[in-house]
Amino acid sequence: MLVLGAAYAPHLITVFGLTERAVPASRLADPMAFLTRGVAGGQALALSGRLAAAS
């Protein structure tokens, strides 16, 4: 978990930081929600693909 977090954290920090700079503060909630959904959806797809390949 530590290795995965160390590899994944810089990506998350960069993406969320760039989004925060590109979007006006008054409209920040929706883009952050979409990013969070995308991250969770991507992880779910990757995990389900690996589980399907392993079975």
N, C-alpha and C. Protein backbone atom coordinates (compact mmCIF):
# COMPACT_ATOMS: atom_id res chain seq x y z
N MET A 1 0.83 -1.18 0.00
CA MET A 1 0.00 0.00 0.00
C MET A 1 0.88 1.26 0.00
N LEU A 2 1.96 1.22 0.73
CA LEU A 2 2.86 2.37 0.78
C LEU A 2 3.49 2.64 -0.58
N VAL A 3 3.92 1.60 -1.25
CA VAL A 3 4.54 1.76 -2.57
C VAL A 3 3.53 2.29 -3.58
N LEU A 4 2.34 1.72 -3.57
CA LEU A 4 1.30 2.18 -4.49
C LEU A 4 0.94 3.64 -4.20
N GLY A 5 0.80 3.98 -2.94
CA GLY A 5 0.47 5.36 -2.58
C GLY A 5 1.57 6.34 -2.98
N ALA A 6 2.82 5.92 -2.81
CA ALA A 6 3.95 6.79 -3.17
C ALA A 6 4.01 7.01 -4.68
N ALA A 7 3.58 6.02 -5.44
CA ALA A 7 3.59 6.17 -6.90
C ALA A 7 2.37 6.93 -7.40
N TYR A 8 1.27 6.80 -6.71
CA TYR A 8 0.00 7.35 -7.18
C TYR A 8 -0.25 8.78 -6.68
N ALA A 9 0.25 9.10 -5.52
CA ALA A 9 -0.02 10.41 -4.91
C ALA A 9 0.44 11.59 -5.76
N PRO A 10 1.65 11.58 -6.33
CA PRO A 10 2.05 12.74 -7.15
C PRO A 10 1.12 12.99 -8.33
N HIS A 11 0.60 11.92 -8.93
CA HIS A 11 -0.34 12.07 -10.03
C HIS A 11 -1.62 12.77 -9.56
N LEU A 12 -2.16 12.30 -8.44
CA LEU A 12 -3.39 12.92 -7.91
C LEU A 12 -3.17 14.37 -7.55
N ILE A 13 -2.07 14.66 -6.89
CA ILE A 13 -1.78 16.03 -6.48
C ILE A 13 -1.67 16.94 -7.69
N THR A 14 -0.99 16.46 -8.73
CA THR A 14 -0.82 17.26 -9.94
C THR A 14 -2.15 17.52 -10.65
N VAL A 15 -2.93 16.48 -10.83
CA VAL A 15 -4.20 16.62 -11.55
C VAL A 15 -5.16 17.54 -10.80
N PHE A 16 -5.30 17.34 -9.49
CA PHE A 16 -6.21 18.19 -8.73
C PHE A 16 -5.68 19.62 -8.63
N GLY A 17 -4.37 19.79 -8.54
CA GLY A 17 -3.79 21.13 -8.50
C GLY A 17 -4.00 21.89 -9.80
N LEU A 18 -3.79 21.21 -10.92
CA LEU A 18 -4.02 21.86 -12.22
C LEU A 18 -5.48 22.22 -12.42
N THR A 19 -6.36 21.35 -11.97
CA THR A 19 -7.79 21.64 -12.08
C THR A 19 -8.15 22.86 -11.23
N GLU A 20 -7.58 22.92 -10.05
CA GLU A 20 -7.87 24.06 -9.17
C GLU A 20 -7.41 25.37 -9.78
N ARG A 21 -6.30 25.34 -10.50
CA ARG A 21 -5.80 26.56 -11.16
C ARG A 21 -6.62 26.94 -12.38
N ALA A 22 -7.14 25.94 -13.09
CA ALA A 22 -7.83 26.20 -14.36
C ALA A 22 -9.28 26.59 -14.21
N VAL A 23 -9.88 26.27 -13.06
CA VAL A 23 -11.31 26.49 -12.87
C VAL A 23 -11.51 27.61 -11.85
N PRO A 24 -12.45 28.51 -12.10
CA PRO A 24 -12.74 29.55 -11.11
C PRO A 24 -13.20 28.93 -9.78
N ALA A 25 -12.85 29.56 -8.70
CA ALA A 25 -13.15 29.03 -7.36
C ALA A 25 -14.65 28.82 -7.14
N SER A 26 -15.45 29.66 -7.73
CA SER A 26 -16.90 29.55 -7.54
C SER A 26 -17.49 28.32 -8.25
N ARG A 27 -16.74 27.72 -9.18
CA ARG A 27 -17.25 26.57 -9.94
C ARG A 27 -16.39 25.33 -9.74
N LEU A 28 -15.69 25.25 -8.65
CA LEU A 28 -14.70 24.19 -8.43
C LEU A 28 -15.31 22.86 -8.01
N ALA A 29 -16.48 22.86 -7.43
CA ALA A 29 -17.06 21.63 -6.88
C ALA A 29 -17.33 20.59 -7.97
N ASP A 30 -17.91 20.98 -9.07
CA ASP A 30 -18.24 20.01 -10.12
C ASP A 30 -17.01 19.37 -10.76
N PRO A 31 -16.00 20.14 -11.17
CA PRO A 31 -14.82 19.49 -11.74
C PRO A 31 -14.12 18.55 -10.75
N MET A 32 -14.07 18.92 -9.48
CA MET A 32 -13.44 18.03 -8.49
C MET A 32 -14.26 16.75 -8.32
N ALA A 33 -15.58 16.86 -8.38
CA ALA A 33 -16.43 15.68 -8.28
C ALA A 33 -16.22 14.77 -9.50
N PHE A 34 -16.12 15.35 -10.69
CA PHE A 34 -15.89 14.55 -11.88
C PHE A 34 -14.53 13.85 -11.82
N LEU A 35 -13.51 14.56 -11.34
CA LEU A 35 -12.20 13.93 -11.20
C LEU A 35 -12.23 12.77 -10.21
N THR A 36 -12.90 12.97 -9.10
CA THR A 36 -13.00 11.91 -8.10
C THR A 36 -13.73 10.70 -8.66
N ARG A 37 -14.82 10.94 -9.38
CA ARG A 37 -15.55 9.83 -10.01
C ARG A 37 -14.68 9.12 -11.04
N GLY A 38 -13.92 9.88 -11.79
CA GLY A 38 -13.05 9.27 -12.79
C GLY A 38 -11.98 8.40 -12.17
N VAL A 39 -11.39 8.86 -11.09
CA VAL A 39 -10.37 8.08 -10.39
C VAL A 39 -10.97 6.80 -9.84
N ALA A 40 -12.11 6.90 -9.18
CA ALA A 40 -12.75 5.71 -8.62
C ALA A 40 -13.19 4.75 -9.71
N GLY A 41 -13.74 5.27 -10.80
CA GLY A 41 -14.15 4.42 -11.91
C GLY A 41 -12.98 3.73 -12.59
N GLY A 42 -11.89 4.45 -12.77
CA GLY A 42 -10.70 3.86 -13.36
C GLY A 42 -10.11 2.75 -12.51
N GLN A 43 -10.09 2.96 -11.21
CA GLN A 43 -9.59 1.92 -10.31
C GLN A 43 -10.51 0.70 -10.34
N ALA A 44 -11.81 0.92 -10.38
CA ALA A 44 -12.74 -0.20 -10.43
C ALA A 44 -12.58 -0.99 -11.72
N LEU A 45 -12.39 -0.31 -12.84
CA LEU A 45 -12.19 -1.01 -14.10
C LEU A 45 -10.89 -1.80 -14.10
N ALA A 46 -9.83 -1.20 -13.58
CA ALA A 46 -8.55 -1.90 -13.53
C ALA A 46 -8.62 -3.13 -12.64
N LEU A 47 -9.26 -2.99 -11.50
CA LEU A 47 -9.38 -4.12 -10.57
C LEU A 47 -10.26 -5.22 -11.15
N SER A 48 -11.38 -4.85 -11.75
CA SER A 48 -12.27 -5.88 -12.30
C SER A 48 -11.60 -6.58 -13.48
N GLY A 49 -10.81 -5.88 -14.27
CA GLY A 49 -10.09 -6.51 -15.37
C GLY A 49 -9.07 -7.51 -14.87
N ARG A 50 -8.35 -7.15 -13.82
CA ARG A 50 -7.36 -8.07 -13.26
C ARG A 50 -8.03 -9.28 -12.63
N LEU A 51 -9.15 -9.07 -11.97
CA LEU A 51 -9.87 -10.20 -11.36
C LEU A 51 -10.42 -11.12 -12.43
N ALA A 52 -10.94 -10.56 -13.52
CA ALA A 52 -11.46 -11.38 -14.61
C ALA A 52 -10.34 -12.17 -15.29
N ALA A 53 -9.19 -11.57 -15.44
CA ALA A 53 -8.07 -12.26 -16.09
C ALA A 53 -7.52 -13.36 -15.19
N ALA A 54 -7.62 -13.18 -13.88
CA ALA A 54 -7.08 -14.17 -12.95
C ALA A 54 -7.99 -15.38 -12.81
N SER A 55 -9.26 -15.26 -13.14
CA SER A 55 -10.18 -16.38 -12.95
C SER A 55 -10.30 -17.26 -14.18
